[in-house]
Amino acid sequence: MAGKFELKKSPSGKFMFNLKAGNGQIILTSQMYATKASAANGIESVRKNSQDDSRFDRKVAKNGEPFFSLTSSNGQNIGKSESYSSASAMENGVASVKKNAPDAPVADNT
């Protein structure tokens, strides 16, 4: 089963998306966007930037759990992962974004 983007509208009226792996697990969560069009642009940015390993900013949370952010060419944060139990699990998450993002269809749940 292939991954997919899920586009959603928040109760506050803003838009965001998740990239889910083929198993349904969320591998990347976007920021909030004011408009649906800007969220769609964010999805395109994930598709493009996910193929450049230097766009993945690998970090460690205060609780010691690793996670990553995906940034665009201008340095803006496009999306963030969940926390992982280990650095190798985080690298599997990065690999999953690289694999799933380019061709993932968009499920519009707005």
PDB file of N, CA and C in Angstrom:
ATOM      1  N   MET A   1       0.847  -1.189   0.000  1.00  0.00           N
ATOM      2  CA  MET A   1       0.000   0.000   0.000  1.00  0.00           C
ATOM      3  C   MET A   1       0.891   1.250   0.000  1.00  0.00           C
ATOM      4  N   ALA A   2       0.572   2.190  -0.827  1.00  0.00           N
ATOM      5  CA  ALA A   2       1.368   3.407  -0.968  1.00  0.00           C
ATOM      6  C   ALA A   2       0.978   4.439   0.088  1.00  0.00           C
ATOM      7  N   GLY A   3       1.881   5.375   0.306  1.00  0.00           N
ATOM      8  CA  GLY A   3       1.611   6.463   1.229  1.00  0.00           C
ATOM      9  C   GLY A   3       0.663   7.477   0.617  1.00  0.00           C
ATOM     10  N   LYS A   4       0.212   8.421   1.441  1.00  0.00           N
ATOM     11  CA  LYS A   4      -0.674   9.476   0.944  1.00  0.00           C
ATOM     12  C   LYS A   4      -0.579  10.701   1.831  1.00  0.00           C
ATOM     13  N   PHE A   5      -0.921  11.830   1.231  1.00  0.00           N
ATOM     14  CA  PHE A   5      -1.078  13.072   1.976  1.00  0.00           C
ATOM     15  C   PHE A   5      -2.540  13.182   2.372  1.00  0.00           C
ATOM     16  N   GLU A   6      -2.802  13.574   3.608  1.00  0.00           N
ATOM     17  CA  GLU A   6      -4.168  13.855   4.051  1.00  0.00           C
ATOM     18  C   GLU A   6      -4.262  15.333   4.377  1.00  0.00           C
ATOM     19  N   LEU A   7      -5.062  16.048   3.595  1.00  0.00           N
ATOM     20  CA  LEU A   7      -5.277  17.479   3.776  1.00  0.00           C
ATOM     21  C   LEU A   7      -6.493  17.660   4.672  1.00  0.00           C
ATOM     22  N   LYS A   8      -6.338  18.461   5.732  1.00  0.00           N
ATOM     23  CA  LYS A   8      -7.419  18.651   6.708  1.00  0.00           C
ATOM     24  C   LYS A   8      -7.634  20.125   7.009  1.00  0.00           C
ATOM     25  N   LYS A   9      -8.835  20.422   7.480  1.00  0.00           N
ATOM     26  CA  LYS A   9      -9.173  21.772   7.958  1.00  0.00           C
ATOM     27  C   LYS A   9      -9.347  21.684   9.466  1.00  0.00           C
ATOM     28  N   SER A  10      -8.643  22.546  10.198  1.00  0.00           N
ATOM     29  CA  SER A  10      -8.715  22.528  11.660  1.00  0.00           C
ATOM     30  C   SER A  10      -9.992  23.223  12.131  1.00  0.00           C
ATOM     31  N   PRO A  11     -10.367  23.004  13.384  1.00  0.00           N
ATOM     32  CA  PRO A  11     -11.544  23.694  13.928  1.00  0.00           C
ATOM     33  C   PRO A  11     -11.421  25.223  13.845  1.00  0.00           C
ATOM     34  N   SER A  12     -10.183  25.736  13.831  1.00  0.00           N
ATOM     35  CA  SER A  12      -9.976  27.186  13.759  1.00  0.00           C
ATOM     36  C   SER A  12     -10.083  27.715  12.325  1.00  0.00           C
ATOM     37  N   GLY A  13     -10.289  26.792  11.354  1.00  0.00           N
ATOM     38  CA  GLY A  13     -10.436  27.217   9.975  1.00  0.00           C
ATOM     39  C   GLY A  13      -9.150  27.228   9.175  1.00  0.00           C
ATOM     40  N   LYS A  14      -8.047  26.842   9.799  1.00  0.00           N
ATOM     41  CA  LYS A  14      -6.767  26.766   9.076  1.00  0.00           C
ATOM     42  C   LYS A  14      -6.608  25.372   8.474  1.00  0.00           C
ATOM     43  N   PHE A  15      -5.616  25.242   7.613  1.00  0.00           N
ATOM     44  CA  PHE A  15      -5.405  23.988   6.895  1.00  0.00           C
ATOM     45  C   PHE A  15      -4.045  23.403   7.233  1.00  0.00           C
ATOM     46  N   MET A  16      -3.963  22.067   7.215  1.00  0.00           N
ATOM     47  CA  MET A  16      -2.705  21.370   7.457  1.00  0.00           C
ATOM     48  C   MET A  16      -2.783  20.022   6.765  1.00  0.00           C
ATOM     49  N   PHE A  17      -1.639  19.351   6.701  1.00  0.00           N
ATOM     50  CA  PHE A  17      -1.639  18.017   6.110  1.00  0.00           C
ATOM     51  C   PHE A  17      -0.694  17.098   6.860  1.00  0.00           C
ATOM     52  N   ASN A  18      -0.962  15.823   6.731  1.00  0.00           N
ATOM     53  CA  ASN A  18      -0.076  14.769   7.212  1.00  0.00           C
ATOM     54  C   ASN A  18       0.344  13.942   6.017  1.00  0.00           C
ATOM     55  N   LEU A  19       1.580  13.491   6.028  1.00  0.00           N
ATOM     56  CA  LEU A  19       2.032  12.476   5.082  1.00  0.00           C
ATOM     57  C   LEU A  19       2.017  11.175   5.852  1.00  0.00           C
ATOM     58  N   LYS A  20       1.271  10.206   5.315  1.00  0.00           N
ATOM     59  CA  LYS A  20       1.171   8.901   5.958  1.00  0.00           C
ATOM     60  C   LYS A  20       1.882   7.863   5.115  1.00  0.00           C
ATOM     61  N   ALA A  21       2.543   6.935   5.798  1.00  0.00           N
ATOM     62  CA  ALA A  21       3.183   5.811   5.122  1.00  0.00           C
ATOM     63  C   ALA A  21       2.104   4.827   4.677  1.00  0.00           C
ATOM     64  N   GLY A  22       2.511   3.835   3.916  1.00  0.00           N
ATOM     65  CA  GLY A  22       1.575   2.827   3.434  1.00  0.00           C
ATOM     66  C   GLY A  22       0.839   2.094   4.538  1.00  0.00           C
ATOM     67  N   ASN A  23       1.453   2.009   5.736  1.00  0.00           N
ATOM     68  CA  ASN A  23       0.816   1.329   6.863  1.00  0.00           C
ATOM     69  C   ASN A  23      -0.131   2.248   7.642  1.00  0.00           C
ATOM     70  N   GLY A  24      -0.300   3.492   7.165  1.00  0.00           N
ATOM     71  CA  GLY A  24      -1.210   4.438   7.804  1.00  0.00           C
ATOM     72  C   GLY A  24      -0.578   5.289   8.889  1.00  0.00           C
ATOM     73  N   GLN A  25       0.682   5.038   9.212  1.00  0.00           N
ATOM     74  CA  GLN A  25       1.361   5.806  10.255  1.00  0.00           C
ATOM     75  C   GLN A  25       1.763   7.186   9.729  1.00  0.00           C
ATOM     76  N   ILE A  26       1.548   8.215  10.544  1.00  0.00           N
ATOM     77  CA  ILE A  26       1.935   9.575  10.173  1.00  0.00           C
ATOM     78  C   ILE A  26       3.454   9.681  10.232  1.00  0.00           C
ATOM     79  N   ILE A  27       4.065  10.122   9.111  1.00  0.00           N
ATOM     80  CA  ILE A  27       5.521  10.273   9.083  1.00  0.00           C
ATOM     81  C   ILE A  27       5.953  11.736   8.995  1.00  0.00           C
ATOM     82  N   LEU A  28       5.016  12.637   8.656  1.00  0.00           N
ATOM     83  CA  LEU A  28       5.337  14.063   8.605  1.00  0.00           C
ATOM     84  C   LEU A  28       4.051  14.854   8.803  1.00  0.00           C
ATOM     85  N   THR A  29       4.111  15.881   9.645  1.00  0.00           N
ATOM     86  CA  THR A  29       2.970  16.757   9.906  1.00  0.00           C
ATOM     87  C   THR A  29       3.357  18.182   9.552  1.00  0.00           C
ATOM     88  N   SER A  30       2.504  18.857   8.805  1.00  0.00           N
ATOM     89  CA  SER A  30       2.805  20.221   8.372  1.00  0.00           C
ATOM     90  C   SER A  30       2.507  21.241   9.458  1.00  0.00           C
ATOM     91  N   GLN A  31       2.917  22.459   9.171  1.00  0.00           N
ATOM     92  CA  GLN A  31       2.505  23.616   9.952  1.00  0.00           C
ATOM     93  C   GLN A  31       1.049  23.923   9.574  1.00  0.00           C
ATOM     94  N   MET A  32       0.462  24.907  10.222  1.00  0.00           N
ATOM     95  CA  MET A  32      -0.883  25.370   9.865  1.00  0.00           C
ATOM     96  C   MET A  32      -0.765  26.425   8.770  1.00  0.00           C
ATOM     97  N   TYR A  33      -1.670  26.373   7.818  1.00  0.00           N
ATOM     98  CA  TYR A  33      -1.711  27.322   6.710  1.00  0.00           C
ATOM     99  C   TYR A  33      -3.031  28.080   6.742  1.00  0.00           C
ATOM    100  N   ALA A  34      -3.005  29.342   6.334  1.00  0.00           N
ATOM    101  CA  ALA A  34      -4.202  30.178   6.344  1.00  0.00           C
ATOM    102  C   ALA A  34      -5.203  29.742   5.270  1.00  0.00           C
ATOM    103  N   THR A  35      -4.703  29.250   4.135  1.00  0.00           N
ATOM    104  CA  THR A  35      -5.589  28.880   3.040  1.00  0.00           C
ATOM    105  C   THR A  35      -5.303  27.455   2.557  1.00  0.00           C
ATOM    106  N   LYS A  36      -6.302  26.883   1.915  1.00  0.00           N
ATOM    107  CA  LYS A  36      -6.150  25.549   1.334  1.00  0.00           C
ATOM    108  C   LYS A  36      -5.091  25.560   0.235  1.00  0.00           C
ATOM    109  N   ALA A  37      -5.047  26.631  -0.537  1.00  0.00           N
ATOM    110  CA  ALA A  37      -4.061  26.742  -1.620  1.00  0.00           C
ATOM    111  C   ALA A  37      -2.636  26.750  -1.074  1.00  0.00           C
ATOM    112  N   SER A  38      -2.409  27.439   0.033  1.00  0.00           N
ATOM    113  CA  SER A  38      -1.063  27.466   0.594  1.00  0.00           C
ATOM    114  C   SER A  38      -0.696  26.098   1.177  1.00  0.00           C
ATOM    115  N   ALA A  39      -1.659  25.360   1.719  1.00  0.00           N
ATOM    116  CA  ALA A  39      -1.390  23.999   2.187  1.00  0.00           C
ATOM    117  C   ALA A  39      -1.041  23.096   1.002  1.00  0.00           C
ATOM    118  N   ALA A  40      -1.739  23.269  -0.117  1.00  0.00           N
ATOM    119  CA  ALA A  40      -1.427  22.494  -1.332  1.00  0.00           C
ATOM    120  C   ALA A  40      -0.019  22.815  -1.823  1.00  0.00           C
ATOM    121  N   ASN A  41       0.379  24.083  -1.731  1.00  0.00           N
ATOM    122  CA  ASN A  41       1.755  24.462  -2.077  1.00  0.00           C
ATOM    123  C   ASN A  41       2.757  23.790  -1.134  1.00  0.00           C
ATOM    124  N   GLY A  42       2.376  23.660   0.135  1.00  0.00           N
ATOM    125  CA  GLY A  42       3.223  22.973   1.110  1.00  0.00           C
ATOM    126  C   GLY A  42       3.435  21.513   0.742  1.00  0.00           C
ATOM    127  N   ILE A  43       2.382  20.862   0.257  1.00  0.00           N
ATOM    128  CA  ILE A  43       2.486  19.466  -0.183  1.00  0.00           C
ATOM    129  C   ILE A  43       3.464  19.369  -1.348  1.00  0.00           C
ATOM    130  N   GLU A  44       3.355  20.286  -2.296  1.00  0.00           N
ATOM    131  CA  GLU A  44       4.287  20.281  -3.433  1.00  0.00           C
ATOM    132  C   GLU A  44       5.717  20.515  -2.967  1.00  0.00           C
ATOM    133  N   SER A  45       5.877  21.350  -1.962  1.00  0.00           N
ATOM    134  CA  SER A  45       7.207  21.622  -1.417  1.00  0.00           C
ATOM    135  C   SER A  45       7.785  20.366  -0.753  1.00  0.00           C
ATOM    136  N   VAL A  46       6.940  19.596  -0.058  1.00  0.00           N
ATOM    137  CA  VAL A  46       7.398  18.335   0.537  1.00  0.00           C
ATOM    138  C   VAL A  46       7.837  17.389  -0.571  1.00  0.00           C
ATOM    139  N   ARG A  47       7.024  17.269  -1.617  1.00  0.00           N
ATOM    140  CA  ARG A  47       7.380  16.377  -2.731  1.00  0.00           C
ATOM    141  C   ARG A  47       8.764  16.722  -3.290  1.00  0.00           C
ATOM    142  N   LYS A  48       8.998  18.012  -3.489  1.00  0.00           N
ATOM    143  CA  LYS A  48      10.254  18.470  -4.087  1.00  0.00           C
ATOM    144  C   LYS A  48      11.429  18.332  -3.121  1.00  0.00           C
ATOM    145  N   ASN A  49      11.284  18.846  -1.922  1.00  0.00           N
ATOM    146  CA  ASN A  49      12.394  18.907  -0.977  1.00  0.00           C
ATOM    147  C   ASN A  49      12.708  17.577  -0.304  1.00  0.00           C
ATOM    148  N   SER A  50      11.780  16.636  -0.329  1.00  0.00           N
ATOM    149  CA  SER A  50      12.015  15.344   0.323  1.00  0.00           C
ATOM    150  C   SER A  50      13.095  14.524  -0.370  1.00  0.00           C
ATOM    151  N   GLN A  51      13.453  14.904  -1.576  1.00  0.00           N
ATOM    152  CA  GLN A  51      14.463  14.147  -2.309  1.00  0.00           C
ATOM    153  C   GLN A  51      15.886  14.669  -2.069  1.00  0.00           C
ATOM    154  N   ASP A  52      16.010  15.712  -1.263  1.00  0.00           N
ATOM    155  CA  ASP A  52      17.307  16.303  -0.943  1.00  0.00           C
ATOM    156  C   ASP A  52      17.597  16.053   0.536  1.00  0.00           C
ATOM    157  N   ASP A  53      18.535  15.142   0.816  1.00  0.00           N
ATOM    158  CA  ASP A  53      18.814  14.770   2.209  1.00  0.00           C
ATOM    159  C   ASP A  53      19.222  15.967   3.065  1.00  0.00           C
ATOM    160  N   SER A  54      19.825  16.989   2.458  1.00  0.00           N
ATOM    161  CA  SER A  54      20.260  18.149   3.242  1.00  0.00           C
ATOM    162  C   SER A  54      19.075  18.976   3.755  1.00  0.00           C
ATOM    163  N   ARG A  55      17.872  18.719   3.249  1.00  0.00           N
ATOM    164  CA  ARG A  55      16.667  19.434   3.714  1.00  0.00           C
ATOM    165  C   ARG A  55      16.094  18.835   5.002  1.00  0.00           C
ATOM    166  N   PHE A  56      16.599  17.660   5.389  1.00  0.00           N
ATOM    167  CA  PHE A  56      16.140  17.023   6.625  1.00  0.00           C
ATOM    168  C   PHE A  56      17.024  17.480   7.778  1.00  0.00           C
ATOM    169  N   ASP A  57      16.417  18.157   8.733  1.00  0.00           N
ATOM    170  CA  ASP A  57      17.128  18.661   9.899  1.00  0.00           C
ATOM    171  C   ASP A  57      16.880  17.687  11.049  1.00  0.00           C
ATOM    172  N   ARG A  58      17.873  16.870  11.337  1.00  0.00           N
ATOM    173  CA  ARG A  58      17.749  15.856  12.380  1.00  0.00           C
ATOM    174  C   ARG A  58      18.031  16.491  13.734  1.00  0.00           C
ATOM    175  N   LYS A  59      17.108  16.287  14.678  1.00  0.00           N
ATOM    176  CA  LYS A  59      17.198  16.948  15.980  1.00  0.00           C
ATOM    177  C   LYS A  59      16.924  15.954  17.102  1.00  0.00           C
ATOM    178  N   VAL A  60      17.159  16.409  18.328  1.00  0.00           N
ATOM    179  CA  VAL A  60      16.840  15.621  19.514  1.00  0.00           C
ATOM    180  C   VAL A  60      15.980  16.498  20.422  1.00  0.00           C
ATOM    181  N   ALA A  61      14.831  15.975  20.839  1.00  0.00           N
ATOM    182  CA  ALA A  61      13.918  16.708  21.720  1.00  0.00           C
ATOM    183  C   ALA A  61      14.500  16.778  23.138  1.00  0.00           C
ATOM    184  N   LYS A  62      13.916  17.626  23.965  1.00  0.00           N
ATOM    185  CA  LYS A  62      14.386  17.787  25.344  1.00  0.00           C
ATOM    186  C   LYS A  62      14.339  16.475  26.120  1.00  0.00           C
ATOM    187  N   ASN A  63      13.416  15.597  25.749  1.00  0.00           N
ATOM    188  CA  ASN A  63      13.304  14.310  26.442  1.00  0.00           C
ATOM    189  C   ASN A  63      14.285  13.268  25.891  1.00  0.00           C
ATOM    190  N   GLY A  64      15.134  13.691  24.940  1.00  0.00           N
ATOM    191  CA  GLY A  64      16.149  12.805  24.396  1.00  0.00           C
ATOM    192  C   GLY A  64      15.722  12.004  23.178  1.00  0.00           C
ATOM    193  N   GLU A  65      14.464  12.154  22.758  1.00  0.00           N
ATOM    194  CA  GLU A  65      13.981  11.391  21.609  1.00  0.00           C
ATOM    195  C   GLU A  65      14.285  12.132  20.308  1.00  0.00           C
ATOM    196  N   PRO A  66      14.823  11.417  19.319  1.00  0.00           N
ATOM    197  CA  PRO A  66      15.129  12.050  18.031  1.00  0.00           C
ATOM    198  C   PRO A  66      13.875  12.303  17.198  1.00  0.00           C
ATOM    199  N   PHE A  67      13.943  13.345  16.371  1.00  0.00           N
ATOM    200  CA  PHE A  67      12.896  13.661  15.403  1.00  0.00           C
ATOM    201  C   PHE A  67      13.552  14.449  14.287  1.00  0.00           C
ATOM    202  N   PHE A  68      12.801  14.718  13.220  1.00  0.00           N
ATOM    203  CA  PHE A  68      13.355  15.527  12.136  1.00  0.00           C
ATOM    204  C   PHE A  68      12.336  16.531  11.649  1.00  0.00           C
ATOM    205  N   SER A  69      12.869  17.592  11.051  1.00  0.00           N
ATOM    206  CA  SER A  69      12.065  18.595  10.362  1.00  0.00           C
ATOM    207  C   SER A  69      12.498  18.601   8.905  1.00  0.00           C
ATOM    208  N   LEU A  70      11.569  18.891   8.033  1.00  0.00           N
ATOM    209  CA  LEU A  70      11.882  19.053   6.611  1.00  0.00           C
ATOM    210  C   LEU A  70      11.779  20.539   6.305  1.00  0.00           C
ATOM    211  N   THR A  71      12.835  21.097   5.690  1.00  0.00           N
ATOM    212  CA  THR A  71      12.851  22.522   5.386  1.00  0.00           C
ATOM    213  C   THR A  71      12.903  22.745   3.877  1.00  0.00           C
ATOM    214  N   SER A  72      12.432  23.901   3.469  1.00  0.00           N
ATOM    215  CA  SER A  72      12.474  24.271   2.051  1.00  0.00           C
ATOM    216  C   SER A  72      13.809  24.946   1.741  1.00  0.00           C
ATOM    217  N   SER A  73      14.026  25.287   0.482  1.00  0.00           N
ATOM    218  CA  SER A  73      15.293  25.899   0.071  1.00  0.00           C
ATOM    219  C   SER A  73      15.542  27.244   0.747  1.00  0.00           C
ATOM    220  N   ASN A  74      14.466  27.923   1.185  1.00  0.00           N
ATOM    221  CA  ASN A  74      14.651  29.200   1.881  1.00  0.00           C
ATOM    222  C   ASN A  74      14.755  29.020   3.401  1.00  0.00           C
ATOM    223  N   GLY A  75      14.835  27.756   3.855  1.00  0.00           N
ATOM    224  CA  GLY A  75      15.007  27.486   5.272  1.00  0.00           C
ATOM    225  C   GLY A  75      13.727  27.399   6.070  1.00  0.00           C
ATOM    226  N   GLN A  76      12.588  27.581   5.435  1.00  0.00           N
ATOM    227  CA  GLN A  76      11.306  27.530   6.135  1.00  0.00           C
ATOM    228  C   GLN A  76      10.936  26.086   6.460  1.00  0.00           C
ATOM    229  N   ASN A  77      10.424  25.875   7.664  1.00  0.00           N
ATOM    230  CA  ASN A  77      10.000  24.544   8.078  1.00  0.00           C
ATOM    231  C   ASN A  77       8.725  24.168   7.317  1.00  0.00           C
ATOM    232  N   ILE A  78       8.745  23.013   6.655  1.00  0.00           N
ATOM    233  CA  ILE A  78       7.575  22.534   5.911  1.00  0.00           C
ATOM    234  C   ILE A  78       6.793  21.525   6.736  1.00  0.00           C
ATOM    235  N   GLY A  79       7.505  20.691   7.461  1.00  0.00           N
ATOM    236  CA  GLY A  79       6.846  19.658   8.245  1.00  0.00           C
ATOM    237  C   GLY A  79       7.791  19.067   9.265  1.00  0.00           C
ATOM    238  N   LYS A  80       7.212  18.331  10.210  1.00  0.00           N
ATOM    239  CA  LYS A  80       7.962  17.767  11.319  1.00  0.00           C
ATOM    240  C   LYS A  80       7.489  16.339  11.548  1.00  0.00           C
ATOM    241  N   SER A  81       8.417  15.497  11.984  1.00  0.00           N
ATOM    242  CA  SER A  81       8.069  14.111  12.289  1.00  0.00           C
ATOM    243  C   SER A  81       7.565  13.990  13.721  1.00  0.00           C
ATOM    244  N   GLU A  82       7.101  12.796  14.036  1.00  0.00           N
ATOM    245  CA  GLU A  82       6.826  12.432  15.420  1.00  0.00           C
ATOM    246  C   GLU A  82       8.180  12.161  16.088  1.00  0.00           C
ATOM    247  N   SER A  83       8.181  11.958  17.383  1.00  0.00           N
ATOM    248  CA  SER A  83       9.396  11.554  18.089  1.00  0.00           C
ATOM    249  C   SER A  83       9.629  10.069  17.867  1.00  0.00           C
ATOM    250  N   TYR A  84      10.893   9.678  17.824  1.00  0.00           N
ATOM    251  CA  TYR A  84      11.265   8.280  17.614  1.00  0.00           C
ATOM    252  C   TYR A  84      12.006   7.744  18.823  1.00  0.00           C
ATOM    253  N   SER A  85      12.028   6.426  18.942  1.00  0.00           N
ATOM    254  CA  SER A  85      12.684   5.774  20.078  1.00  0.00           C
ATOM    255  C   SER A  85      14.196   5.714  19.918  1.00  0.00           C
ATOM    256  N   SER A  86      14.688   5.858  18.678  1.00  0.00           N
ATOM    257  CA  SER A  86      16.128   5.777  18.442  1.00  0.00           C
ATOM    258  C   SER A  86      16.485   6.541  17.174  1.00  0.00           C
ATOM    259  N   ALA A  87      17.775   6.814  17.013  1.00  0.00           N
ATOM    260  CA  ALA A  87      18.246   7.502  15.808  1.00  0.00           C
ATOM    261  C   ALA A  87      18.001   6.645  14.569  1.00  0.00           C
ATOM    262  N   SER A  88      18.158   5.335  14.688  1.00  0.00           N
ATOM    263  CA  SER A  88      17.927   4.468  13.523  1.00  0.00           C
ATOM    264  C   SER A  88      16.448   4.457  13.132  1.00  0.00           C
ATOM    265  N   ALA A  89      15.558   4.508  14.122  1.00  0.00           N
ATOM    266  CA  ALA A  89      14.124   4.585  13.809  1.00  0.00           C
ATOM    267  C   ALA A  89      13.810   5.904  13.112  1.00  0.00           C
ATOM    268  N   MET A  90      14.455   6.996  13.554  1.00  0.00           N
ATOM    269  CA  MET A  90      14.268   8.288  12.889  1.00  0.00           C
ATOM    270  C   MET A  90      14.751   8.223  11.445  1.00  0.00           C
ATOM    271  N   GLU A  91      15.899   7.588  11.200  1.00  0.00           N
ATOM    272  CA  GLU A  91      16.407   7.465   9.833  1.00  0.00           C
ATOM    273  C   GLU A  91      15.452   6.653   8.961  1.00  0.00           C
ATOM    274  N   ASN A  92      14.794   5.664   9.547  1.00  0.00           N
ATOM    275  CA  ASN A  92      13.761   4.925   8.808  1.00  0.00           C
ATOM    276  C   ASN A  92      12.609   5.852   8.442  1.00  0.00           C
ATOM    277  N   GLY A  93      12.277   6.787   9.337  1.00  0.00           N
ATOM    278  CA  GLY A  93      11.232   7.773   9.050  1.00  0.00           C
ATOM    279  C   GLY A  93      11.630   8.696   7.912  1.00  0.00           C
ATOM    280  N   VAL A  94      12.880   9.155   7.911  1.00  0.00           N
ATOM    281  CA  VAL A  94      13.395   9.998   6.824  1.00  0.00           C
ATOM    282  C   VAL A  94      13.293   9.228   5.504  1.00  0.00           C
ATOM    283  N   ALA A  95      13.737   7.962   5.518  1.00  0.00           N
ATOM    284  CA  ALA A  95      13.689   7.136   4.311  1.00  0.00           C
ATOM    285  C   ALA A  95      12.249   6.952   3.823  1.00  0.00           C
ATOM    286  N   SER A  96      11.322   6.829   4.752  1.00  0.00           N
ATOM    287  CA  SER A  96       9.913   6.660   4.392  1.00  0.00           C
ATOM    288  C   SER A  96       9.352   7.917   3.736  1.00  0.00           C
ATOM    289  N   VAL A  97       9.745   9.095   4.240  1.00  0.00           N
ATOM    290  CA  VAL A  97       9.311  10.347   3.609  1.00  0.00           C
ATOM    291  C   VAL A  97       9.873  10.428   2.193  1.00  0.00           C
ATOM    292  N   LYS A  98      11.159  10.114   2.047  1.00  0.00           N
ATOM    293  CA  LYS A  98      11.783  10.156   0.718  1.00  0.00           C
ATOM    294  C   LYS A  98      11.086   9.215  -0.259  1.00  0.00           C
ATOM    295  N   LYS A  99      10.701   8.053   0.238  1.00  0.00           N
ATOM    296  CA  LYS A  99      10.068   7.040  -0.613  1.00  0.00           C
ATOM    297  C   LYS A  99       8.624   7.415  -0.967  1.00  0.00           C
ATOM    298  N   ASN A 100       7.865   7.871   0.025  1.00  0.00           N
ATOM    299  CA  ASN A 100       6.425   8.076  -0.151  1.00  0.00           C
ATOM    300  C   ASN A 100       6.027   9.425  -0.730  1.00  0.00           C
ATOM    301  N   ALA A 101       6.751  10.489  -0.399  1.00  0.00           N
ATOM    302  CA  ALA A 101       6.304  11.845  -0.736  1.00  0.00           C
ATOM    303  C   ALA A 101       6.168  12.139  -2.228  1.00  0.00           C
ATOM    304  N   PRO A 102       7.125  11.737  -3.081  1.00  0.00           N
ATOM    305  CA  PRO A 102       7.062  12.194  -4.477  1.00  0.00           C
ATOM    306  C   PRO A 102       5.791  11.822  -5.226  1.00  0.00           C
ATOM    307  N   ASP A 103       5.255  10.634  -4.987  1.00  0.00           N
ATOM    308  CA  ASP A 103       4.108  10.150  -5.760  1.00  0.00           C
ATOM    309  C   ASP A 103       2.835   9.991  -4.942  1.00  0.00           C
ATOM    310  N   ALA A 104       2.864  10.395  -3.673  1.00  0.00           N
ATOM    311  CA  ALA A 104       1.708  10.184  -2.812  1.00  0.00           C
ATOM    312  C   ALA A 104       0.499  11.005  -3.275  1.00  0.00           C
ATOM    313  N   PRO A 105      -0.650  10.347  -3.420  1.00  0.00           N
ATOM    314  CA  PRO A 105      -1.854  11.095  -3.765  1.00  0.00           C
ATOM    315  C   PRO A 105      -2.324  11.926  -2.576  1.00  0.00           C
ATOM    316  N   VAL A 106      -3.185  12.885  -2.841  1.00  0.00           N
ATOM    317  CA  VAL A 106      -3.728  13.747  -1.793  1.00  0.00           C
ATOM    318  C   VAL A 106      -5.183  13.345  -1.515  1.00  0.00           C
ATOM    319  N   ALA A 107      -5.459  13.019  -0.269  1.00  0.00           N
ATOM    320  CA  ALA A 107      -6.827  12.774   0.183  1.00  0.00           C
ATOM    321  C   ALA A 107      -7.312  14.091   0.793  1.00  0.00           C
ATOM    322  N   ASP A 108      -8.275  14.728   0.156  1.00  0.00           N
ATOM    323  CA  ASP A 108      -8.783  16.019   0.623  1.00  0.00           C
ATOM    324  C   ASP A 108      -9.906  15.780   1.620  1.00  0.00           C
ATOM    325  N   ASN A 109      -9.595  15.968   2.903  1.00  0.00           N
ATOM    326  CA  ASN A 109     -10.576  15.756   3.975  1.00  0.00           C
ATOM    327  C   ASN A 109     -11.069  17.086   4.549  1.00  0.00           C
ATOM    328  N   THR A 110     -11.064  18.145   3.727  1.00  0.00           N
ATOM    329  CA  THR A 110     -11.486  19.451   4.227  1.00  0.00           C
ATOM    330  C   THR A 110     -12.986  19.599   4.169  1.00  0.00           C
TER     331      THR A 110
END
